[in-house]
C-alpha atoms as a PDB file:
ATOM      1  CA  UNK A   1       2.255  28.181   6.521  1.00  0.00           C
ATOM      2  CA  UNK A   2       3.653  30.547   9.681  1.00  0.00           C
ATOM      3  CA  UNK A   3       6.240  32.954   8.841  1.00  0.00           C
ATOM      4  CA  UNK A   4       8.686  34.609  10.216  1.00  0.00           C
ATOM      5  CA  UNK A   5       6.068  37.616  11.089  1.00  0.00           C
ATOM      6  CA  UNK A   6       3.485  35.272  12.769  1.00  0.00           C
ATOM      7  CA  UNK A   7       6.632  33.024  14.382  1.00  0.00           C
ATOM      8  CA  UNK A   8       7.568  36.174  15.981  1.00  0.00           C
ATOM      9  CA  UNK A   9       4.149  36.852  17.456  1.00  0.00           C
ATOM     10  CA  UNK A  10       3.749  33.504  18.742  1.00  0.00           C
ATOM     11  CA  UNK A  11       7.476  34.051  20.368  1.00  0.00           C
ATOM     12  CA  UNK A  12       5.873  37.377  21.939  1.00  0.00           C
ATOM     13  CA  UNK A  13       2.852  35.595  23.419  1.00  0.00           C
ATOM     14  CA  UNK A  14       5.191  32.859  25.016  1.00  0.00           C
ATOM     15  CA  UNK A  15       7.483  35.617  26.306  1.00  0.00           C
ATOM     16  CA  UNK A  16       4.498  37.475  28.123  1.00  0.00           C
ATOM     17  CA  UNK A  17       2.717  34.101  29.531  1.00  0.00           C
ATOM     18  CA  UNK A  18       5.193  31.450  30.097  1.00  0.00           C
ATOM     19  CA  UNK A  19       8.652  33.544  30.991  1.00  0.00           C
ATOM     20  CA  UNK A  20       9.310  32.849  34.750  1.00  0.00           C
ATOM     21  CA  UNK A  21       7.132  29.900  35.024  1.00  0.00           C
ATOM     22  CA  UNK A  22       7.797  26.341  35.255  1.00  0.00           C
ATOM     23  CA  UNK A  23       6.749  23.342  33.028  1.00  0.00           C
ATOM     24  CA  UNK A  24       5.024  20.548  34.857  1.00  0.00           C
ATOM     25  CA  UNK A  25       4.379  18.408  32.059  1.00  0.00           C
ATOM     26  CA  UNK A  26       4.809  17.869  28.499  1.00  0.00           C
ATOM     27  CA  UNK A  27       3.144  15.009  26.785  1.00  0.00           C
ATOM     28  CA  UNK A  28       4.002  14.133  23.087  1.00  0.00           C
ATOM     29  CA  UNK A  29       0.732  12.689  21.673  1.00  0.00           C
ATOM     30  CA  UNK A  30       1.625  12.045  17.619  1.00  0.00           C
ATOM     31  CA  UNK A  31       4.343   9.500  17.575  1.00  0.00           C
ATOM     32  CA  UNK A  32       6.043  11.642  14.202  1.00  0.00           C
ATOM     33  CA  UNK A  33       6.256  14.795  16.296  1.00  0.00           C
ATOM     34  CA  UNK A  34       9.490  14.362  18.375  1.00  0.00           C
ATOM     35  CA  UNK A  35      12.512  14.281  16.579  1.00  0.00           C
ATOM     36  CA  UNK A  36      14.803  14.004  19.307  1.00  0.00           C
ATOM     37  CA  UNK A  37      15.602  11.344  22.030  1.00  0.00           C
ATOM     38  CA  UNK A  38      18.135  13.235  24.086  1.00  0.00           C
ATOM     39  CA  UNK A  39      17.924  14.709  26.488  1.00  0.00           C
ATOM     40  CA  UNK A  40      14.104  12.942  26.789  1.00  0.00           C
ATOM     41  CA  UNK A  41      11.009  15.433  26.556  1.00  0.00           C
ATOM     42  CA  UNK A  42      10.599  14.798  30.626  1.00  0.00           C
ATOM     43  CA  UNK A  43      13.745  16.591  31.038  1.00  0.00           C
ATOM     44  CA  UNK A  44      11.950  20.227  30.465  1.00  0.00           C
ATOM     45  CA  UNK A  45       9.722  18.663  33.563  1.00  0.00           C
ATOM     46  CA  UNK A  46      10.104  20.902  36.743  1.00  0.00           C
ATOM     47  CA  UNK A  47      12.044  23.582  34.670  1.00  0.00           C
ATOM     48  CA  UNK A  48      12.053  27.358  34.370  1.00  0.00           C
ATOM     49  CA  UNK A  49      11.021  28.811  31.556  1.00  0.00           C
ATOM     50  CA  UNK A  50      14.082  31.737  30.773  1.00  0.00           C
ATOM     51  CA  UNK A  51      12.986  32.919  27.572  1.00  0.00           C
ATOM     52  CA  UNK A  52      11.232  32.860  24.369  1.00  0.00           C
ATOM     53  CA  UNK A  53      12.243  33.658  20.858  1.00  0.00           C
ATOM     54  CA  UNK A  54      12.429  33.012  17.023  1.00  0.00           C
ATOM     55  CA  UNK A  55      14.935  31.850  14.608  1.00  0.00           C
ATOM     56  CA  UNK A  56      13.710  31.662  11.283  1.00  0.00           C
ATOM     57  CA  UNK A  57      10.668  29.738  11.240  1.00  0.00           C
ATOM     58  CA  UNK A  58      11.781  28.113  14.432  1.00  0.00           C
ATOM     59  CA  UNK A  59      10.372  28.869  17.657  1.00  0.00           C
ATOM     60  CA  UNK A  60      12.592  28.763  20.488  1.00  0.00           C
ATOM     61  CA  UNK A  61      11.292  27.940  24.697  1.00  0.00           C
ATOM     62  CA  UNK A  62      14.369  28.243  26.239  1.00  0.00           C
ATOM     63  CA  UNK A  63      14.553  26.821  30.190  1.00  0.00           C
ATOM     64  CA  UNK A  64      16.976  26.801  33.075  1.00  0.00           C
ATOM     65  CA  UNK A  65      17.585  23.290  31.289  1.00  0.00           C
ATOM     66  CA  UNK A  66      16.780  22.528  27.527  1.00  0.00           C
ATOM     67  CA  UNK A  67      15.398  24.115  24.882  1.00  0.00           C
ATOM     68  CA  UNK A  68      12.053  23.213  23.308  1.00  0.00           C
ATOM     69  CA  UNK A  69      12.231  24.104  19.657  1.00  0.00           C
ATOM     70  CA  UNK A  70       9.386  23.707  17.548  1.00  0.00           C
ATOM     71  CA  UNK A  71       8.978  24.025  13.297  1.00  0.00           C
ATOM     72  CA  UNK A  72       5.065  24.479  12.701  1.00  0.00           C
ATOM     73  CA  UNK A  73       5.861  23.270   9.078  1.00  0.00           C
ATOM     74  CA  UNK A  74       2.519  23.808   6.953  1.00  0.00           C
ATOM     75  CA  UNK A  75      -0.249  22.942   8.753  1.00  0.00           C
ATOM     76  CA  UNK A  76       1.113  23.376  12.396  1.00  0.00           C
ATOM     77  CA  UNK A  77      -0.110  25.793  15.014  1.00  0.00           C
ATOM     78  CA  UNK A  78      -0.021  26.755  18.829  1.00  0.00           C
ATOM     79  CA  UNK A  79      -3.107  27.425  20.645  1.00  0.00           C
ATOM     80  CA  UNK A  80      -2.516  29.097  24.033  1.00  0.00           C
ATOM     81  CA  UNK A  81      -4.799  28.131  26.585  1.00  0.00           C
ATOM     82  CA  UNK A  82      -6.225  28.592  30.251  1.00  0.00           C
ATOM     83  CA  UNK A  83      -7.485  25.698  32.252  1.00  0.00           C
ATOM     84  CA  UNK A  84      -6.016  22.799  29.991  1.00  0.00           C
ATOM     85  CA  UNK A  85      -8.027  19.416  31.208  1.00  0.00           C
ATOM     86  CA  UNK A  86      -6.912  17.090  33.968  1.00  0.00           C
ATOM     87  CA  UNK A  87      -7.226  14.211  31.925  1.00  0.00           C
ATOM     88  CA  UNK A  88      -3.737  13.599  29.819  1.00  0.00           C
ATOM     89  CA  UNK A  89      -4.809  13.237  25.937  1.00  0.00           C
ATOM     90  CA  UNK A  90      -4.875  10.435  24.433  1.00  0.00           C
ATOM     91  CA  UNK A  91      -3.186   9.212  21.096  1.00  0.00           C
ATOM     92  CA  UNK A  92      -5.488   9.363  18.064  1.00  0.00           C
ATOM     93  CA  UNK A  93      -6.143  10.598  15.085  1.00  0.00           C
ATOM     94  CA  UNK A  94      -6.923  14.224  16.002  1.00  0.00           C
ATOM     95  CA  UNK A  95      -5.063  17.364  14.983  1.00  0.00           C
ATOM     96  CA  UNK A  96      -3.252  17.549  18.621  1.00  0.00           C
ATOM     97  CA  UNK A  97       0.284  16.590  18.476  1.00  0.00           C
ATOM     98  CA  UNK A  98       1.621  17.760  22.170  1.00  0.00           C
ATOM     99  CA  UNK A  99       0.595  19.493  24.928  1.00  0.00           C
ATOM    100  CA  UNK A 100       2.652  21.417  27.716  1.00  0.00           C
ATOM    101  CA  UNK A 101       1.405  22.467  30.812  1.00  0.00           C
ATOM    102  CA  UNK A 102       2.771  24.935  33.381  1.00  0.00           C
ATOM    103  CA  UNK A 103       2.647  24.797  37.065  1.00  0.00           C
ATOM    104  CA  UNK A 104      -0.197  26.445  39.016  1.00  0.00           C
ATOM    105  CA  UNK A 105      -3.890  25.946  39.919  1.00  0.00           C
ATOM    106  CA  UNK A 106      -5.056  27.555  36.359  1.00  0.00           C
ATOM    107  CA  UNK A 107      -3.555  24.940  34.142  1.00  0.00           C
ATOM    108  CA  UNK A 108      -2.748  26.949  31.710  1.00  0.00           C
ATOM    109  CA  UNK A 109      -0.355  26.096  28.565  1.00  0.00           C
ATOM    110  CA  UNK A 110      -0.523  25.466  24.983  1.00  0.00           C
ATOM    111  CA  UNK A 111      -1.661  23.062  22.907  1.00  0.00           C
ATOM    112  CA  UNK A 112       0.638  22.169  19.556  1.00  0.00           C
ATOM    113  CA  UNK A 113      -2.072  20.894  16.359  1.00  0.00           C
ATOM    114  CA  UNK A 114      -1.672  19.902  12.865  1.00  0.00           C
ATOM    115  CA  UNK A 115      -4.333  19.980  10.431  1.00  0.00           C
ATOM    116  CA  UNK A 116      -4.363  17.716   7.240  1.00  0.00           C
ATOM    117  CA  UNK A 117      -3.085  14.290   6.810  1.00  0.00           C
ATOM    118  CA  UNK A 118       0.623  15.803   5.616  1.00  0.00           C
ATOM    119  CA  UNK A 119       2.571  15.709   8.788  1.00  0.00           C
ATOM    120  CA  UNK A 120       5.788  17.987   8.950  1.00  0.00           C
ATOM    121  CA  UNK A 121       5.242  19.540  12.657  1.00  0.00           C
ATOM    122  CA  UNK A 122       8.457  19.108  14.547  1.00  0.00           C
ATOM    123  CA  UNK A 123       9.379  19.451  18.122  1.00  0.00           C
ATOM    124  CA  UNK A 124      12.978  19.435  19.498  1.00  0.00           C
ATOM    125  CA  UNK A 125      14.308  18.649  23.023  1.00  0.00           C
ATOM    126  CA  UNK A 126      18.068  20.033  23.132  1.00  0.00           C
ATOM    127  CA  UNK A 127      20.579  21.502  25.014  1.00  0.00           C
ATOM    128  CA  UNK A 128      21.514  24.184  22.212  1.00  0.00           C
ATOM    129  CA  UNK A 129      19.832  25.491  19.370  1.00  0.00           C
ATOM    130  CA  UNK A 130      22.549  25.021  17.208  1.00  0.00           C
ATOM    131  CA  UNK A 131      21.755  21.417  17.637  1.00  0.00           C
ATOM    132  CA  UNK A 132      18.550  21.135  15.362  1.00  0.00           C
ATOM    133  CA  UNK A 133      19.790  20.574  11.640  1.00  0.00           C
ATOM    134  CA  UNK A 134      17.445  23.153  10.410  1.00  0.00           C
ATOM    135  CA  UNK A 135      18.746  26.285  12.615  1.00  0.00           C
ATOM    136  CA  UNK A 136      22.276  25.201  11.969  1.00  0.00           C
ATOM    137  CA  UNK A 137      21.400  25.795   8.042  1.00  0.00           C
ATOM    138  CA  UNK A 138      19.846  29.153   8.624  1.00  0.00           C
ATOM    139  CA  UNK A 139      20.730  32.435   6.476  1.00  0.00           C
ATOM    140  CA  UNK A 140      21.047  35.072   8.551  1.00  0.00           C
ATOM    141  CA  UNK A 141      17.676  37.167   9.521  1.00  0.00           C
ATOM    142  CA  UNK A 142      16.565  39.637   7.386  1.00  0.00           C
ATOM    143  CA  UNK A 143      15.378  41.792  10.535  1.00  0.00           C
ATOM    144  CA  UNK A 144      18.718  41.508  12.386  1.00  0.00           C
ATOM    145  CA  UNK A 145      20.710  44.663  12.464  1.00  0.00           C
ATOM    146  CA  UNK A 146      23.552  43.010  10.846  1.00  0.00           C
ATOM    147  CA  UNK A 147      21.548  42.285   7.708  1.00  0.00           C
ATOM    148  CA  UNK A 148      22.489  45.359   5.775  1.00  0.00           C
ATOM    149  CA  UNK A 149      22.121  46.078   1.845  1.00  0.00           C
ATOM    150  CA  UNK A 150      25.628  44.985   1.026  1.00  0.00           C
ATOM    151  CA  UNK A 151      25.515  41.746   2.810  1.00  0.00           C
ATOM    152  CA  UNK A 152      22.254  41.106   1.244  1.00  0.00           C
ATOM    153  CA  UNK A 153      23.852  42.131  -2.352  1.00  0.00           C
ATOM    154  CA  UNK A 154      26.938  40.042  -1.344  1.00  0.00           C
ATOM    155  CA  UNK A 155      24.104  36.879  -0.870  1.00  0.00           C
ATOM    156  CA  UNK A 156      22.790  37.494  -4.329  1.00  0.00           C
ATOM    157  CA  UNK A 157      26.035  37.391  -6.174  1.00  0.00           C
ATOM    158  CA  UNK A 158      26.254  34.932  -8.703  1.00  0.00           C
ATOM    159  CA  UNK A 159      23.188  33.302  -7.764  1.00  0.00           C
ATOM    160  CA  UNK A 160      21.703  32.027 -11.072  1.00  0.00           C
ATOM    161  CA  UNK A 161      18.203  31.079  -9.346  1.00  0.00           C
ATOM    162  CA  UNK A 162      14.829  32.757  -9.852  1.00  0.00           C
ATOM    163  CA  UNK A 163      14.587  35.302  -7.364  1.00  0.00           C
ATOM    164  CA  UNK A 164      11.593  33.960  -5.563  1.00  0.00           C
ATOM    165  CA  UNK A 165      13.487  30.810  -4.626  1.00  0.00           C
ATOM    166  CA  UNK A 166      16.239  32.558  -3.469  1.00  0.00           C
ATOM    167  CA  UNK A 167      13.919  34.489  -1.106  1.00  0.00           C
ATOM    168  CA  UNK A 168      12.291  31.259   0.351  1.00  0.00           C
ATOM    169  CA  UNK A 169      15.565  29.466   0.774  1.00  0.00           C
ATOM    170  CA  UNK A 170      16.041  29.421   4.339  1.00  0.00           C
ATOM    171  CA  UNK A 171      20.104  28.812   3.973  1.00  0.00           C
ATOM    172  CA  UNK A 172      19.888  31.885   2.578  1.00  0.00           C
ATOM    173  CA  UNK A 173      18.111  34.391   4.347  1.00  0.00           C
ATOM    174  CA  UNK A 174      15.984  32.643   7.169  1.00  0.00           C
ATOM    175  CA  UNK A 175      12.114  33.216   7.828  1.00  0.00           C
ATOM    176  CA  UNK A 176      10.779  33.928   4.234  1.00  0.00           C
ATOM    177  CA  UNK A 177       8.114  31.706   2.643  1.00  0.00           C
ATOM    178  CA  UNK A 178       5.946  31.606   0.106  1.00  0.00           C
ATOM    179  CA  UNK A 179       3.344  34.069   1.338  1.00  0.00           C
ATOM    180  CA  UNK A 180       5.601  36.910   2.027  1.00  0.00           C
ATOM    181  CA  UNK A 181       8.373  36.442  -0.939  1.00  0.00           C
ATOM    182  CA  UNK A 182       5.078  36.819  -3.017  1.00  0.00           C
ATOM    183  CA  UNK A 183       4.438  40.006  -1.208  1.00  0.00           C
ATOM    184  CA  UNK A 184       7.754  41.619  -1.200  1.00  0.00           C
ATOM    185  CA  UNK A 185       8.087  41.036  -5.083  1.00  0.00           C
ATOM    186  CA  UNK A 186       5.175  42.589  -5.838  1.00  0.00           C
ATOM    187  CA  UNK A 187       5.978  45.497  -3.697  1.00  0.00           C
ATOM    188  CA  UNK A 188       9.148  45.685  -5.339  1.00  0.00           C
ATOM    189  CA  UNK A 189       7.658  45.719  -8.762  1.00  0.00           C
ATOM    190  CA  UNK A 190      10.044  42.680  -9.699  1.00  0.00           C
ATOM    191  CA  UNK A 191       9.251  39.230 -12.144  1.00  0.00           C
ATOM    192  CA  UNK A 192       9.149  36.289  -9.441  1.00  0.00           C
ATOM    193  CA  UNK A 193      11.106  34.336 -12.208  1.00  0.00           C
ATOM    194  CA  UNK A 194      14.122  37.654 -12.499  1.00  0.00           C
ATOM    195  CA  UNK A 195      17.498  35.820 -11.965  1.00  0.00           C
ATOM    196  CA  UNK A 196      19.102  36.922  -8.391  1.00  0.00           C
ATOM    197  CA  UNK A 197      22.298  37.106 -10.452  1.00  0.00           C
ATOM    198  CA  UNK A 198      20.711  39.348 -13.061  1.00  0.00           C
ATOM    199  CA  UNK A 199      19.426  42.158 -10.691  1.00  0.00           C
ATOM    200  CA  UNK A 200      20.779  45.707 -11.047  1.00  0.00           C
ATOM    201  CA  UNK A 201      22.104  47.538  -8.050  1.00  0.00           C
ATOM    202  CA  UNK A 202      19.069  49.664  -8.008  1.00  0.00           C
ATOM    203  CA  UNK A 203      16.709  46.554  -8.097  1.00  0.00           C
ATOM    204  CA  UNK A 204      18.725  45.158  -5.449  1.00  0.00           C
ATOM    205  CA  UNK A 205      18.650  48.106  -3.254  1.00  0.00           C
ATOM    206  CA  UNK A 206      14.511  48.492  -3.610  1.00  0.00           C
ATOM    207  CA  UNK A 207      14.147  44.628  -3.158  1.00  0.00           C
ATOM    208  CA  UNK A 208      16.116  45.134   0.326  1.00  0.00           C
ATOM    209  CA  UNK A 209      14.147  48.136   1.181  1.00  0.00           C
ATOM    210  CA  UNK A 210      10.802  46.450   0.331  1.00  0.00           C
ATOM    211  CA  UNK A 211      11.864  43.160   1.973  1.00  0.00           C
ATOM    212  CA  UNK A 212      12.410  45.301   5.705  1.00  0.00           C
ATOM    213  CA  UNK A 213       8.982  46.833   5.311  1.00  0.00           C
ATOM    214  CA  UNK A 214       6.926  44.423   4.731  1.00  0.00           C
ATOM    215  CA  UNK A 215       8.249  41.929   7.009  1.00  0.00           C
ATOM    216  CA  UNK A 216       8.506  45.049   9.782  1.00  0.00           C
ATOM    217  CA  UNK A 217       4.604  45.953   8.975  1.00  0.00           C
ATOM    218  CA  UNK A 218       3.669  42.491   9.003  1.00  0.00           C
ATOM    219  CA  UNK A 219       5.283  42.198  12.479  1.00  0.00           C
ATOM    220  CA  UNK A 220       3.474  44.976  14.396  1.00  0.00           C
ATOM    221  CA  UNK A 221       0.350  44.122  12.779  1.00  0.00           C
ATOM    222  CA  UNK A 222       0.582  40.839  14.435  1.00  0.00           C
ATOM    223  CA  UNK A 223       2.140  42.269  17.721  1.00  0.00           C
ATOM    224  CA  UNK A 224      -0.276  41.948  20.505  1.00  0.00           C
ATOM    225  CA  UNK A 225      -2.476  39.383  19.110  1.00  0.00           C
ATOM    226  CA  UNK A 226      -4.119  36.530  20.295  1.00  0.00           C
ATOM    227  CA  UNK A 227      -2.760  33.089  18.424  1.00  0.00           C
ATOM    228  CA  UNK A 228      -6.111  32.697  17.343  1.00  0.00           C
ATOM    229  CA  UNK A 229      -6.242  35.950  15.158  1.00  0.00           C
ATOM    230  CA  UNK A 230      -2.755  35.643  13.631  1.00  0.00           C
ATOM    231  CA  UNK A 231      -4.053  33.952  10.644  1.00  0.00           C
ATOM    232  CA  UNK A 232      -6.668  35.958   9.951  1.00  0.00           C
ATOM    233  CA  UNK A 233      -4.044  39.429  10.198  1.00  0.00           C
ATOM    234  CA  UNK A 234      -1.956  37.606   7.667  1.00  0.00           C
ATOM    235  CA  UNK A 235      -4.519  36.836   5.040  1.00  0.00           C
ATOM    236  CA  UNK A 236      -6.116  40.488   5.339  1.00  0.00           C
ATOM    237  CA  UNK A 237      -2.767  41.945   4.916  1.00  0.00           C
ATOM    238  CA  UNK A 238      -1.726  40.451   1.737  1.00  0.00           C
ATOM    239  CA  UNK A 239      -2.186  42.501  -1.626  1.00  0.00           C
ATOM    240  CA  UNK A 240      -1.474  39.377  -4.082  1.00  0.00           C
ATOM    241  CA  UNK A 241      -0.598  36.016  -2.106  1.00  0.00           C
ATOM    242  CA  UNK A 242      -4.024  33.822  -2.108  1.00  0.00           C
ATOM    243  CA  UNK A 243      -5.816  36.576  -3.938  1.00  0.00           C
ATOM    244  CA  UNK A 244      -6.369  34.970  -7.291  1.00  0.00           C
ATOM    245  CA  UNK A 245      -8.718  36.584  -9.662  1.00  0.00           C
ATOM    246  CA  UNK A 246      -9.338  39.532  -7.405  1.00  0.00           C
ATOM    247  CA  UNK A 247      -8.130  43.020  -8.426  1.00  0.00           C
ATOM    248  CA  UNK A 248      -4.406  44.400  -7.672  1.00  0.00           C
ATOM    249  CA  UNK A 249      -4.971  47.055  -5.072  1.00  0.00           C
ATOM    250  CA  UNK A 250      -2.192  49.212  -6.989  1.00  0.00           C
ATOM    251  CA  UNK A 251      -3.044  48.981 -10.533  1.00  0.00           C
ATOM    252  CA  UNK A 252      -6.392  47.233 -10.523  1.00  0.00           C
ATOM    253  CA  UNK A 253      -5.012  44.093 -12.739  1.00  0.00           C
ATOM    254  CA  UNK A 254      -6.034  40.499 -12.410  1.00  0.00           C
ATOM    255  CA  UNK A 255      -4.303  38.657  -9.907  1.00  0.00           C
ATOM    256  CA  UNK A 256      -2.619  35.719 -11.537  1.00  0.00           C
ATOM    257  CA  UNK A 257      -0.983  32.219 -10.236  1.00  0.00           C
ATOM    258  CA  UNK A 258       1.246  29.892 -11.106  1.00  0.00           C
ATOM    259  CA  UNK A 259       1.224  26.322 -10.091  1.00  0.00           C
ATOM    260  CA  UNK A 260       3.454  23.826  -8.901  1.00  0.00           C
ATOM    261  CA  UNK A 261       3.332  20.148  -7.510  1.00  0.00           C
ATOM    262  CA  UNK A 262       3.136  21.366  -3.896  1.00  0.00           C
ATOM    263  CA  UNK A 263       2.810  25.072  -4.064  1.00  0.00           C
ATOM    264  CA  UNK A 264       1.527  28.122  -6.332  1.00  0.00           C
ATOM    265  CA  UNK A 265       2.607  31.795  -6.720  1.00  0.00           C
ATOM    266  CA  UNK A 266       0.665  34.764  -6.869  1.00  0.00           C
ATOM    267  CA  UNK A 267       1.663  38.011  -9.020  1.00  0.00           C
ATOM    268  CA  UNK A 268       0.626  41.144 -10.886  1.00  0.00           C
ATOM    269  CA  UNK A 269       1.466  40.824 -14.332  1.00  0.00           C
ATOM    270  CA  UNK A 270       0.870  45.029 -14.726  1.00  0.00           C
ATOM    271  CA  UNK A 271       3.084  45.308 -11.562  1.00  0.00           C
ATOM    272  CA  UNK A 272       5.588  42.731 -11.961  1.00  0.00           C
ATOM    273  CA  UNK A 273       6.027  41.148 -15.440  1.00  0.00           C
ATOM    274  CA  UNK A 274       5.595  44.402 -18.015  1.00  0.00           C
ATOM    275  CA  UNK A 275       2.178  42.988 -18.462  1.00  0.00           C
ATOM    276  CA  UNK A 276       2.524  39.474 -19.746  1.00  0.00           C
ATOM    277  CA  UNK A 277       1.134  36.645 -17.656  1.00  0.00           C
ATOM    278  CA  UNK A 278       4.067  33.851 -16.701  1.00  0.00           C
ATOM    279  CA  UNK A 279       3.434  30.608 -18.239  1.00  0.00           C
ATOM    280  CA  UNK A 280       1.502  28.248 -16.008  1.00  0.00           C
ATOM    281  CA  UNK A 281       2.581  24.608 -17.198  1.00  0.00           C
ATOM    282  CA  UNK A 282      -0.534  23.371 -15.143  1.00  0.00           C
ATOM    283  CA  UNK A 283      -3.157  25.499 -17.392  1.00  0.00           C
ATOM    284  CA  UNK A 284      -0.839  24.885 -20.426  1.00  0.00           C
ATOM    285  CA  UNK A 285      -1.513  20.940 -19.655  1.00  0.00           C
ATOM    286  CA  UNK A 286      -5.460  21.306 -19.421  1.00  0.00           C
ATOM    287  CA  UNK A 287      -5.614  23.587 -22.670  1.00  0.00           C
ATOM    288  CA  UNK A 288      -4.127  20.973 -24.634  1.00  0.00           C
END
């Protein structure tokens, strides 16, 4: 799933290539992708792109009229293309969900695609991004100047939930998902099962610092890359996430995994849990 650094990079690509240009066509291909009807998607046509930005994991393409807001969900992606086909795309079973064509003889623009059978990619045409329910519920952005250590500590105070889940909760902190929460907790040498309310002031300070460093480093690594290279860059920068069975780059212990219904977390026992593997209910059932 694209998270804050990748969405930030995609916003940069659109800012470089689309701002100042007019939208010629906005064509939904998958029936399920468009989540709004007023204003219609056709209201974007003839409008000039004025900015491209990010709200958490939502991508925001602003025009001198409506905003096109995109949430890529688990398997969605934005693919910039020069020389889009002249024939309009046909609805079908392929990955293409929406095509946006900019004015000009080069026929440049982008496709929104989504792999797999579980469809979560969402597109909104709105007058203001705050009209999107997911954006209205967002917590503070961890890279915003107003997100201080004190503000972070205030969010954790009295929260009796595992810190892994708190970091992923978009209503608490915007933009962090499964992958970067694993990386942040590994860098902080903290168990994903620690209760947020039990963290000491020192631990909160360490977590705050590595959160900012981890996200900023990922943003810098992604800056200037083509959209097609962002996924590989994300994978290459991970130390524990997606590396089950591999040696931890810090201590050499084997990276372990805990599986859930629709996701999994990765961690290093030596670095994060005092050498003790966390219980994995899926493996426990298999061993019975």
